[in-house]
N, C-alpha and C. Protein backbone atom coordinates (compact mmCIF):
# COMPACT_ATOMS: atom_id res chain seq x y z
N MET A 1 27.88 -5.52 10.83
CA MET A 1 26.91 -5.19 9.81
C MET A 1 25.60 -4.80 10.46
N SER A 2 25.00 -3.71 10.03
CA SER A 2 23.76 -3.25 10.64
C SER A 2 22.59 -4.11 10.18
N GLN A 3 21.54 -4.09 10.97
CA GLN A 3 20.35 -4.87 10.67
C GLN A 3 19.57 -4.19 9.54
N HIS A 4 19.02 -5.00 8.64
CA HIS A 4 18.27 -4.47 7.50
C HIS A 4 16.86 -4.06 7.95
N LEU A 5 16.33 -3.03 7.34
CA LEU A 5 15.02 -2.48 7.65
C LEU A 5 13.93 -3.54 7.67
N LEU A 6 13.92 -4.45 6.71
CA LEU A 6 12.86 -5.42 6.59
C LEU A 6 12.99 -6.59 7.56
N ASP A 7 14.07 -6.61 8.34
CA ASP A 7 14.25 -7.65 9.34
C ASP A 7 13.44 -7.39 10.60
N ASN A 8 12.87 -6.20 10.72
CA ASN A 8 12.09 -5.83 11.91
C ASN A 8 10.62 -5.73 11.58
N GLY A 9 9.80 -6.52 12.25
CA GLY A 9 8.36 -6.43 12.08
C GLY A 9 7.82 -7.24 10.91
N LEU A 10 6.52 -7.16 10.77
CA LEU A 10 5.79 -7.87 9.74
C LEU A 10 6.02 -7.22 8.39
N THR A 11 6.35 -8.01 7.38
CA THR A 11 6.60 -7.50 6.03
C THR A 11 5.73 -8.26 5.04
N ILE A 12 5.09 -7.51 4.15
CA ILE A 12 4.32 -8.14 3.08
C ILE A 12 5.05 -7.92 1.76
N ASP A 13 4.84 -8.81 0.82
CA ASP A 13 5.43 -8.62 -0.50
C ASP A 13 4.32 -8.69 -1.54
N CYS A 14 4.45 -7.87 -2.56
CA CYS A 14 3.44 -7.79 -3.60
C CYS A 14 4.07 -7.21 -4.86
N LYS A 15 3.34 -7.30 -5.95
CA LYS A 15 3.78 -6.69 -7.19
C LYS A 15 2.73 -5.64 -7.54
N ILE A 16 3.11 -4.37 -7.42
CA ILE A 16 2.17 -3.26 -7.59
C ILE A 16 2.81 -2.13 -8.38
N PRO A 17 1.98 -1.24 -8.95
CA PRO A 17 2.55 -0.06 -9.58
C PRO A 17 3.21 0.84 -8.52
N ILE A 18 4.41 1.28 -8.82
CA ILE A 18 5.13 2.16 -7.90
C ILE A 18 5.84 3.23 -8.72
N GLY A 19 5.70 4.46 -8.25
CA GLY A 19 6.42 5.58 -8.85
C GLY A 19 7.30 6.23 -7.80
N TRP A 20 8.31 6.94 -8.25
CA TRP A 20 9.17 7.66 -7.31
C TRP A 20 9.76 8.87 -8.00
N GLN A 21 10.10 9.86 -7.17
CA GLN A 21 10.80 11.03 -7.68
C GLN A 21 11.75 11.54 -6.62
N VAL A 22 12.89 12.03 -7.07
CA VAL A 22 13.89 12.58 -6.16
C VAL A 22 13.42 13.94 -5.69
N LEU A 23 13.59 14.20 -4.39
CA LEU A 23 13.26 15.50 -3.81
C LEU A 23 14.55 16.26 -3.57
N GLU A 24 14.59 17.49 -4.01
CA GLU A 24 15.78 18.33 -3.81
C GLU A 24 15.90 18.79 -2.36
N SER A 25 14.75 18.91 -1.68
CA SER A 25 14.75 19.32 -0.27
C SER A 25 13.55 18.69 0.42
N ILE A 26 13.55 18.77 1.73
CA ILE A 26 12.43 18.24 2.49
C ILE A 26 11.21 19.12 2.20
N PRO A 27 10.09 18.52 1.83
CA PRO A 27 8.91 19.31 1.48
C PRO A 27 8.42 20.18 2.65
N GLN A 28 7.75 21.25 2.29
CA GLN A 28 7.21 22.16 3.29
C GLN A 28 6.07 21.48 4.06
N THR A 29 5.79 22.01 5.22
CA THR A 29 4.77 21.45 6.10
C THR A 29 3.42 21.34 5.42
N ILE A 30 3.06 22.31 4.62
CA ILE A 30 1.75 22.27 3.97
C ILE A 30 1.66 21.08 3.01
N PHE A 31 2.74 20.76 2.30
CA PHE A 31 2.76 19.61 1.41
C PHE A 31 2.64 18.32 2.22
N LEU A 32 3.39 18.23 3.32
CA LEU A 32 3.34 17.04 4.17
C LEU A 32 1.95 16.84 4.75
N ASN A 33 1.30 17.94 5.18
CA ASN A 33 -0.05 17.84 5.72
C ASN A 33 -1.04 17.34 4.67
N GLU A 34 -0.93 17.87 3.46
CA GLU A 34 -1.81 17.43 2.35
C GLU A 34 -1.57 15.96 2.02
N MET A 35 -0.30 15.57 1.98
CA MET A 35 0.04 14.19 1.68
C MET A 35 -0.53 13.25 2.75
N ASN A 36 -0.37 13.62 4.01
CA ASN A 36 -0.88 12.79 5.10
C ASN A 36 -2.40 12.74 5.09
N LEU A 37 -3.06 13.84 4.75
CA LEU A 37 -4.52 13.86 4.66
C LEU A 37 -5.00 12.93 3.54
N GLN A 38 -4.33 12.99 2.39
CA GLN A 38 -4.68 12.12 1.27
C GLN A 38 -4.41 10.66 1.64
N ASN A 39 -3.28 10.39 2.28
CA ASN A 39 -2.96 9.02 2.69
C ASN A 39 -4.01 8.49 3.67
N ASP A 40 -4.43 9.32 4.60
CA ASP A 40 -5.44 8.92 5.57
C ASP A 40 -6.74 8.54 4.86
N HIS A 41 -7.15 9.37 3.93
CA HIS A 41 -8.37 9.11 3.17
C HIS A 41 -8.25 7.80 2.39
N LEU A 42 -7.13 7.61 1.72
CA LEU A 42 -6.94 6.40 0.91
C LEU A 42 -6.84 5.14 1.76
N PHE A 43 -6.18 5.23 2.91
CA PHE A 43 -6.12 4.06 3.79
C PHE A 43 -7.52 3.68 4.27
N ARG A 44 -8.34 4.68 4.56
CA ARG A 44 -9.72 4.39 4.97
C ARG A 44 -10.48 3.67 3.86
N LEU A 45 -10.31 4.15 2.62
CA LEU A 45 -10.95 3.48 1.48
C LEU A 45 -10.44 2.06 1.30
N LEU A 46 -9.12 1.89 1.40
CA LEU A 46 -8.54 0.55 1.26
C LEU A 46 -9.09 -0.41 2.31
N MET A 47 -9.11 0.05 3.55
CA MET A 47 -9.59 -0.81 4.62
C MET A 47 -11.07 -1.10 4.45
N HIS A 48 -11.83 -0.13 3.96
CA HIS A 48 -13.25 -0.35 3.71
C HIS A 48 -13.44 -1.43 2.65
N HIS A 49 -12.69 -1.33 1.56
CA HIS A 49 -12.82 -2.32 0.49
C HIS A 49 -12.33 -3.68 0.93
N ASN A 50 -11.26 -3.73 1.71
CA ASN A 50 -10.73 -5.01 2.18
C ASN A 50 -11.69 -5.70 3.14
N ASP A 51 -12.37 -4.92 3.95
CA ASP A 51 -13.24 -5.49 4.98
C ASP A 51 -14.71 -5.37 4.64
N HIS A 52 -15.03 -4.95 3.41
CA HIS A 52 -16.42 -4.67 3.05
C HIS A 52 -17.33 -5.88 3.21
N GLN A 53 -16.93 -7.04 2.73
CA GLN A 53 -17.80 -8.21 2.80
C GLN A 53 -18.04 -8.63 4.24
N THR A 54 -17.01 -8.64 5.05
CA THR A 54 -17.17 -9.03 6.45
C THR A 54 -18.07 -8.04 7.18
N ALA A 55 -17.85 -6.75 6.96
CA ALA A 55 -18.64 -5.72 7.63
C ALA A 55 -20.10 -5.80 7.19
N THR A 56 -20.36 -6.06 5.91
CA THR A 56 -21.73 -6.15 5.42
C THR A 56 -22.45 -7.33 6.05
N LEU A 57 -21.75 -8.46 6.16
CA LEU A 57 -22.37 -9.62 6.79
C LEU A 57 -22.71 -9.34 8.25
N GLU A 58 -21.80 -8.70 8.98
CA GLU A 58 -22.04 -8.37 10.38
C GLU A 58 -23.20 -7.38 10.51
N LEU A 59 -23.24 -6.38 9.64
CA LEU A 59 -24.31 -5.39 9.67
C LEU A 59 -25.65 -6.04 9.38
N ASP A 60 -25.69 -6.95 8.42
CA ASP A 60 -26.93 -7.65 8.09
C ASP A 60 -27.43 -8.46 9.27
N LYS A 61 -26.52 -9.11 9.98
CA LYS A 61 -26.91 -9.90 11.15
C LYS A 61 -27.50 -9.01 12.24
N GLN A 62 -26.92 -7.82 12.40
CA GLN A 62 -27.35 -6.93 13.47
C GLN A 62 -28.62 -6.16 13.12
N SER A 63 -28.72 -5.66 11.90
CA SER A 63 -29.79 -4.72 11.58
C SER A 63 -30.97 -5.33 10.85
N HIS A 64 -30.77 -6.41 10.15
CA HIS A 64 -31.82 -7.03 9.36
C HIS A 64 -32.43 -6.05 8.36
N HIS A 65 -31.61 -5.19 7.78
CA HIS A 65 -32.05 -4.21 6.79
C HIS A 65 -31.43 -4.57 5.44
N PRO A 66 -32.14 -5.35 4.62
CA PRO A 66 -31.58 -5.71 3.32
C PRO A 66 -31.42 -4.50 2.40
N ASP A 67 -32.24 -3.45 2.63
CA ASP A 67 -32.12 -2.25 1.80
C ASP A 67 -30.76 -1.58 1.98
N LEU A 68 -30.24 -1.61 3.21
CA LEU A 68 -28.93 -1.02 3.48
C LEU A 68 -27.83 -1.80 2.75
N SER A 69 -27.94 -3.10 2.74
CA SER A 69 -26.96 -3.92 2.02
C SER A 69 -27.03 -3.65 0.53
N LEU A 70 -28.22 -3.50 0.01
CA LEU A 70 -28.39 -3.21 -1.41
C LEU A 70 -27.79 -1.84 -1.76
N LEU A 71 -28.00 -0.87 -0.89
CA LEU A 71 -27.43 0.46 -1.11
C LEU A 71 -25.90 0.40 -1.09
N GLU A 72 -25.34 -0.32 -0.13
CA GLU A 72 -23.88 -0.47 -0.06
C GLU A 72 -23.35 -1.16 -1.31
N LEU A 73 -24.06 -2.16 -1.80
CA LEU A 73 -23.65 -2.85 -3.01
C LEU A 73 -23.64 -1.89 -4.20
N LYS A 74 -24.67 -1.07 -4.30
CA LYS A 74 -24.74 -0.10 -5.41
C LYS A 74 -23.61 0.92 -5.33
N VAL A 75 -23.31 1.39 -4.14
CA VAL A 75 -22.21 2.35 -3.97
C VAL A 75 -20.89 1.68 -4.33
N ASP A 76 -20.71 0.43 -3.92
CA ASP A 76 -19.49 -0.30 -4.24
C ASP A 76 -19.34 -0.48 -5.76
N VAL A 77 -20.43 -0.81 -6.44
CA VAL A 77 -20.40 -0.94 -7.89
C VAL A 77 -20.05 0.39 -8.54
N LEU A 78 -20.63 1.47 -8.05
CA LEU A 78 -20.35 2.81 -8.58
C LEU A 78 -18.87 3.16 -8.40
N ILE A 79 -18.33 2.89 -7.23
CA ILE A 79 -16.91 3.15 -6.97
C ILE A 79 -16.05 2.31 -7.91
N GLY A 80 -16.42 1.06 -8.11
CA GLY A 80 -15.68 0.20 -9.02
C GLY A 80 -15.69 0.71 -10.44
N LEU A 81 -16.85 1.17 -10.91
CA LEU A 81 -16.96 1.72 -12.26
C LEU A 81 -16.13 2.99 -12.41
N MET A 82 -16.18 3.86 -11.43
CA MET A 82 -15.39 5.09 -11.47
C MET A 82 -13.90 4.78 -11.45
N SER A 83 -13.51 3.80 -10.68
CA SER A 83 -12.10 3.40 -10.62
C SER A 83 -11.63 2.91 -11.98
N GLU A 84 -12.44 2.10 -12.63
CA GLU A 84 -12.09 1.61 -13.96
C GLU A 84 -11.96 2.76 -14.95
N TRP A 85 -12.87 3.70 -14.89
CA TRP A 85 -12.83 4.85 -15.78
C TRP A 85 -11.56 5.67 -15.55
N ILE A 86 -11.22 5.90 -14.29
CA ILE A 86 -10.02 6.67 -13.96
C ILE A 86 -8.78 5.92 -14.44
N LYS A 87 -8.72 4.60 -14.19
CA LYS A 87 -7.57 3.81 -14.62
C LYS A 87 -7.39 3.87 -16.13
N ASP A 88 -8.51 3.82 -16.86
CA ASP A 88 -8.44 3.87 -18.33
C ASP A 88 -7.88 5.20 -18.82
N ASN A 89 -8.09 6.25 -18.04
CA ASN A 89 -7.66 7.59 -18.45
C ASN A 89 -6.36 8.04 -17.78
N LYS A 90 -5.81 7.21 -16.94
CA LYS A 90 -4.60 7.58 -16.20
C LYS A 90 -3.56 6.47 -16.38
N LYS A 91 -2.40 6.83 -16.83
CA LYS A 91 -1.31 5.87 -17.00
C LYS A 91 -0.65 5.63 -15.64
N LEU A 92 -0.78 4.42 -15.14
CA LEU A 92 -0.15 4.07 -13.87
C LEU A 92 1.30 3.67 -14.11
N PRO A 93 2.15 3.84 -13.11
CA PRO A 93 3.54 3.38 -13.24
C PRO A 93 3.59 1.86 -13.43
N ASP A 94 4.73 1.38 -13.85
CA ASP A 94 4.92 -0.06 -14.02
C ASP A 94 4.82 -0.77 -12.68
N LYS A 95 4.39 -2.04 -12.74
CA LYS A 95 4.35 -2.86 -11.53
C LYS A 95 5.75 -3.36 -11.24
N ASN A 96 6.10 -3.32 -9.95
CA ASN A 96 7.40 -3.81 -9.49
C ASN A 96 7.20 -4.60 -8.22
N LYS A 97 8.14 -5.49 -7.96
CA LYS A 97 8.13 -6.27 -6.72
C LYS A 97 8.43 -5.33 -5.55
N VAL A 98 7.58 -5.39 -4.51
CA VAL A 98 7.71 -4.50 -3.36
C VAL A 98 7.63 -5.33 -2.08
N TRP A 99 8.49 -5.01 -1.13
CA TRP A 99 8.42 -5.55 0.23
C TRP A 99 8.13 -4.37 1.13
N LEU A 100 7.03 -4.42 1.86
CA LEU A 100 6.55 -3.27 2.64
C LEU A 100 6.37 -3.66 4.09
N ASN A 101 6.88 -2.81 4.98
CA ASN A 101 6.57 -2.96 6.39
C ASN A 101 6.29 -1.58 6.99
N ALA A 102 6.06 -1.53 8.28
CA ALA A 102 5.62 -0.29 8.92
C ALA A 102 6.69 0.80 8.95
N ASN A 103 7.93 0.44 8.72
CA ASN A 103 9.02 1.42 8.80
C ASN A 103 9.53 1.89 7.45
N GLY A 104 9.25 1.10 6.42
CA GLY A 104 9.77 1.44 5.11
C GLY A 104 9.46 0.36 4.11
N MET A 105 10.21 0.38 3.02
CA MET A 105 9.97 -0.59 1.98
C MET A 105 11.23 -0.81 1.15
N GLU A 106 11.19 -1.88 0.40
CA GLU A 106 12.23 -2.19 -0.56
C GLU A 106 11.54 -2.54 -1.86
N TRP A 107 12.10 -2.12 -2.99
CA TRP A 107 11.51 -2.47 -4.27
C TRP A 107 12.55 -2.69 -5.33
N GLN A 108 12.16 -3.53 -6.30
CA GLN A 108 13.01 -3.83 -7.45
C GLN A 108 12.51 -3.04 -8.64
N SER A 109 13.44 -2.57 -9.43
CA SER A 109 13.07 -1.85 -10.65
C SER A 109 14.30 -1.74 -11.54
N ASN A 110 14.06 -1.50 -12.81
CA ASN A 110 15.18 -1.24 -13.72
C ASN A 110 15.76 0.14 -13.49
N SER A 111 14.98 1.03 -12.89
CA SER A 111 15.42 2.39 -12.61
C SER A 111 15.20 2.67 -11.13
N LEU A 112 16.28 2.98 -10.44
CA LEU A 112 16.20 3.22 -8.99
C LEU A 112 16.92 4.52 -8.64
N PRO A 113 16.52 5.15 -7.53
CA PRO A 113 17.27 6.33 -7.06
C PRO A 113 18.64 5.91 -6.55
N LYS A 114 19.46 6.91 -6.28
CA LYS A 114 20.81 6.66 -5.76
C LYS A 114 20.78 6.62 -4.24
N LEU A 115 21.81 6.00 -3.69
CA LEU A 115 21.97 5.91 -2.24
C LEU A 115 21.95 7.30 -1.62
N ASN A 116 21.27 7.45 -0.51
CA ASN A 116 21.13 8.67 0.29
C ASN A 116 20.28 9.76 -0.35
N GLN A 117 19.62 9.48 -1.47
CA GLN A 117 18.74 10.48 -2.05
C GLN A 117 17.41 10.51 -1.28
N GLN A 118 16.87 11.70 -1.13
CA GLN A 118 15.56 11.91 -0.53
C GLN A 118 14.53 11.72 -1.66
N VAL A 119 13.54 10.83 -1.44
CA VAL A 119 12.58 10.55 -2.50
C VAL A 119 11.14 10.55 -1.98
N LEU A 120 10.24 10.75 -2.92
CA LEU A 120 8.81 10.60 -2.69
C LEU A 120 8.40 9.36 -3.47
N VAL A 121 7.88 8.34 -2.78
CA VAL A 121 7.41 7.13 -3.46
C VAL A 121 5.89 7.12 -3.45
N SER A 122 5.33 6.63 -4.54
CA SER A 122 3.88 6.54 -4.71
C SER A 122 3.52 5.08 -4.93
N LEU A 123 2.75 4.51 -4.01
CA LEU A 123 2.35 3.10 -4.08
C LEU A 123 0.87 2.99 -4.41
N TYR A 124 0.56 2.26 -5.46
CA TYR A 124 -0.82 2.01 -5.85
C TYR A 124 -1.19 0.65 -5.27
N LEU A 125 -1.70 0.65 -4.04
CA LEU A 125 -1.91 -0.58 -3.29
C LEU A 125 -3.14 -1.37 -3.73
N SER A 126 -4.04 -0.74 -4.48
CA SER A 126 -5.25 -1.42 -4.90
C SER A 126 -5.54 -1.15 -6.37
N GLN A 127 -5.91 -2.20 -7.09
CA GLN A 127 -6.30 -2.01 -8.48
C GLN A 127 -7.65 -1.31 -8.58
N ARG A 128 -8.44 -1.41 -7.53
CA ARG A 128 -9.77 -0.79 -7.53
C ARG A 128 -9.71 0.70 -7.22
N ILE A 129 -8.64 1.14 -6.59
CA ILE A 129 -8.50 2.56 -6.23
C ILE A 129 -7.21 3.06 -6.87
N PRO A 130 -7.32 3.69 -8.05
CA PRO A 130 -6.12 4.09 -8.79
C PRO A 130 -5.49 5.39 -8.30
N SER A 131 -5.37 5.53 -7.00
CA SER A 131 -4.70 6.68 -6.40
C SER A 131 -3.60 6.15 -5.49
N PRO A 132 -2.48 6.86 -5.41
CA PRO A 132 -1.36 6.32 -4.63
C PRO A 132 -1.35 6.76 -3.17
N ILE A 133 -0.80 5.88 -2.36
CA ILE A 133 -0.38 6.24 -1.01
C ILE A 133 1.05 6.72 -1.18
N CYS A 134 1.38 7.88 -0.62
CA CYS A 134 2.71 8.47 -0.82
C CYS A 134 3.50 8.51 0.48
N PHE A 135 4.78 8.22 0.35
CA PHE A 135 5.69 8.28 1.50
C PHE A 135 6.96 9.01 1.08
N ILE A 136 7.56 9.65 2.06
CA ILE A 136 8.83 10.34 1.86
C ILE A 136 9.88 9.65 2.71
N GLY A 137 11.08 9.56 2.17
CA GLY A 137 12.17 8.97 2.94
C GLY A 137 13.47 9.04 2.19
N LYS A 138 14.49 8.50 2.81
CA LYS A 138 15.83 8.50 2.24
C LYS A 138 16.22 7.07 1.86
N ILE A 139 16.83 6.94 0.70
CA ILE A 139 17.33 5.63 0.25
C ILE A 139 18.54 5.29 1.11
N ASP A 140 18.41 4.23 1.91
CA ASP A 140 19.51 3.90 2.81
C ASP A 140 20.24 2.61 2.43
N CYS A 141 19.76 1.95 1.36
CA CYS A 141 20.43 0.71 0.97
C CYS A 141 20.08 0.37 -0.47
N LEU A 142 21.09 0.00 -1.22
CA LEU A 142 20.92 -0.60 -2.54
C LEU A 142 21.60 -1.96 -2.46
N ARG A 143 20.89 -3.03 -2.85
CA ARG A 143 21.47 -4.37 -2.74
C ARG A 143 20.87 -5.28 -3.81
N GLU A 144 21.51 -6.43 -3.97
CA GLU A 144 21.03 -7.44 -4.91
C GLU A 144 20.05 -8.35 -4.18
N ARG A 145 18.93 -8.62 -4.84
CA ARG A 145 17.94 -9.55 -4.29
C ARG A 145 17.28 -10.24 -5.48
N ASP A 146 17.27 -11.54 -5.49
CA ASP A 146 16.71 -12.31 -6.60
C ASP A 146 17.31 -11.87 -7.94
N ASN A 147 18.60 -11.66 -7.97
CA ASN A 147 19.35 -11.28 -9.17
C ASN A 147 18.94 -9.93 -9.77
N GLN A 148 18.41 -9.05 -8.95
CA GLN A 148 18.06 -7.71 -9.41
C GLN A 148 18.35 -6.72 -8.28
N THR A 149 18.69 -5.48 -8.65
CA THR A 149 18.99 -4.47 -7.64
C THR A 149 17.70 -3.95 -7.01
N THR A 150 17.75 -3.77 -5.71
CA THR A 150 16.62 -3.21 -4.97
C THR A 150 17.07 -1.96 -4.23
N ALA A 151 16.11 -1.09 -3.97
CA ALA A 151 16.34 0.10 -3.16
C ALA A 151 15.50 0.00 -1.90
N THR A 152 16.06 0.43 -0.80
CA THR A 152 15.36 0.42 0.48
C THR A 152 15.20 1.85 0.96
N ILE A 153 13.99 2.17 1.40
CA ILE A 153 13.69 3.51 1.91
C ILE A 153 13.11 3.40 3.31
N ASN A 154 13.60 4.24 4.20
CA ASN A 154 13.02 4.40 5.53
C ASN A 154 12.01 5.54 5.45
N PHE A 155 10.77 5.27 5.85
CA PHE A 155 9.76 6.32 5.79
C PHE A 155 10.04 7.39 6.83
N GLU A 156 9.79 8.65 6.46
CA GLU A 156 9.99 9.79 7.36
C GLU A 156 8.73 10.62 7.41
N ASN A 157 8.58 11.38 8.47
CA ASN A 157 7.47 12.33 8.64
C ASN A 157 6.09 11.67 8.61
N LEU A 158 5.99 10.44 9.13
CA LEU A 158 4.68 9.78 9.20
C LEU A 158 3.95 10.25 10.45
N GLU A 159 2.74 10.73 10.26
CA GLU A 159 1.91 11.08 11.41
C GLU A 159 1.44 9.79 12.07
N GLU A 160 1.07 9.88 13.35
CA GLU A 160 0.69 8.70 14.11
C GLU A 160 -0.48 7.96 13.46
N ASN A 161 -1.49 8.70 12.98
CA ASN A 161 -2.64 8.02 12.38
C ASN A 161 -2.27 7.30 11.09
N ILE A 162 -1.32 7.85 10.32
CA ILE A 162 -0.87 7.18 9.10
C ILE A 162 -0.06 5.94 9.46
N GLN A 163 0.78 6.05 10.49
CA GLN A 163 1.54 4.89 10.96
C GLN A 163 0.60 3.78 11.40
N ASN A 164 -0.44 4.14 12.15
CA ASN A 164 -1.42 3.14 12.60
C ASN A 164 -2.16 2.51 11.43
N SER A 165 -2.55 3.32 10.45
CA SER A 165 -3.24 2.80 9.27
C SER A 165 -2.34 1.87 8.48
N LEU A 166 -1.08 2.24 8.34
CA LEU A 166 -0.12 1.39 7.64
C LEU A 166 0.05 0.06 8.37
N ASP A 167 0.17 0.11 9.68
CA ASP A 167 0.26 -1.12 10.48
C ASP A 167 -0.96 -2.02 10.26
N LYS A 168 -2.15 -1.43 10.30
CA LYS A 168 -3.39 -2.21 10.12
C LYS A 168 -3.46 -2.79 8.71
N TYR A 169 -3.06 -2.00 7.72
CA TYR A 169 -3.10 -2.48 6.34
C TYR A 169 -2.15 -3.68 6.17
N ILE A 170 -0.94 -3.55 6.66
CA ILE A 170 0.04 -4.63 6.54
C ILE A 170 -0.46 -5.89 7.26
N PHE A 171 -1.01 -5.71 8.45
CA PHE A 171 -1.51 -6.86 9.19
C PHE A 171 -2.67 -7.53 8.44
N SER A 172 -3.58 -6.73 7.87
CA SER A 172 -4.72 -7.31 7.14
C SER A 172 -4.25 -8.06 5.89
N GLN A 173 -3.25 -7.50 5.20
CA GLN A 173 -2.73 -8.18 4.01
C GLN A 173 -2.00 -9.47 4.38
N HIS A 174 -1.28 -9.44 5.49
CA HIS A 174 -0.59 -10.63 5.98
C HIS A 174 -1.62 -11.71 6.35
N ARG A 175 -2.68 -11.30 7.04
CA ARG A 175 -3.74 -12.22 7.44
C ARG A 175 -4.40 -12.85 6.20
N ARG A 176 -4.64 -12.03 5.16
CA ARG A 176 -5.24 -12.54 3.92
C ARG A 176 -4.30 -13.54 3.23
N ALA A 177 -3.01 -13.25 3.24
CA ALA A 177 -2.03 -14.15 2.62
C ALA A 177 -2.02 -15.50 3.33
N ILE A 178 -2.11 -15.49 4.64
CA ILE A 178 -2.16 -16.74 5.41
C ILE A 178 -3.44 -17.51 5.08
N ALA A 179 -4.56 -16.81 4.99
CA ALA A 179 -5.82 -17.46 4.66
C ALA A 179 -5.76 -18.08 3.26
N ARG A 180 -5.18 -17.37 2.30
CA ARG A 180 -5.04 -17.91 0.94
C ARG A 180 -4.14 -19.15 0.94
N GLN A 181 -3.09 -19.09 1.75
CA GLN A 181 -2.16 -20.21 1.84
C GLN A 181 -2.86 -21.44 2.42
N LYS A 182 -3.72 -21.23 3.41
CA LYS A 182 -4.45 -22.35 4.01
C LYS A 182 -5.46 -22.94 3.02
N MET A 183 -6.03 -22.08 2.17
CA MET A 183 -7.00 -22.56 1.19
C MET A 183 -6.31 -23.29 0.04
N ASN A 184 -5.06 -22.93 -0.26
CA ASN A 184 -4.27 -23.54 -1.33
C ASN A 184 -2.94 -24.05 -0.78
N PRO A 185 -2.94 -25.10 0.03
CA PRO A 185 -1.70 -25.54 0.66
C PRO A 185 -0.64 -26.04 -0.31
N GLN A 186 -1.03 -26.41 -1.52
CA GLN A 186 -0.03 -26.91 -2.47
C GLN A 186 0.82 -25.78 -3.06
N LYS A 187 0.45 -24.51 -2.89
CA LYS A 187 1.21 -23.40 -3.41
C LYS A 187 1.95 -22.70 -2.29
N PRO A 188 3.21 -23.05 -2.07
CA PRO A 188 3.98 -22.41 -0.98
C PRO A 188 4.24 -20.94 -1.30
N SER A 189 4.29 -20.13 -0.23
CA SER A 189 4.56 -18.71 -0.38
C SER A 189 6.03 -18.48 -0.69
N LYS A 190 6.32 -17.57 -1.63
CA LYS A 190 7.70 -17.24 -1.97
C LYS A 190 8.12 -16.05 -1.13
N ARG A 191 9.20 -16.16 -0.41
CA ARG A 191 9.69 -15.05 0.43
C ARG A 191 11.14 -14.88 0.23
């Protein structure tokens, strides 16, 4: 029996909006370039929001410029308001259980693609940023997990910078999960 995709490397699990569509053929280079450019931009935003408080504290210690912190706070509030407005006007896909690692992902849903289909998946990794990170890959496994069918996709055509950003995002989310677990030791993590 071959090794499962999620058995290799760090894997995070979450419940997030996820969309998918079957691709009839491998997308053209221009589409892949646009997708990777958008993913790069969104990963930068995600990492900024995840690390914003820590970075602001470090910047305050170094620069002693409270005006800069106030400006960053105002920009953050503006981004939050715009995100809420966009979410109110955009119907996001349903939330589903997702297991994500640097090579691919597995997700549960009532509607899944078929084995060996080429798909484009859209992951809405942040409630504050209602835009998806998109990946292309082939469904290589359908299996039962927690009494529901899951689909597994191996990511394809990832540029090195997107792979690095995905690695950093997964590591930061894993680190946050460990910190939450230490703060709430009575709530064991479900895996």
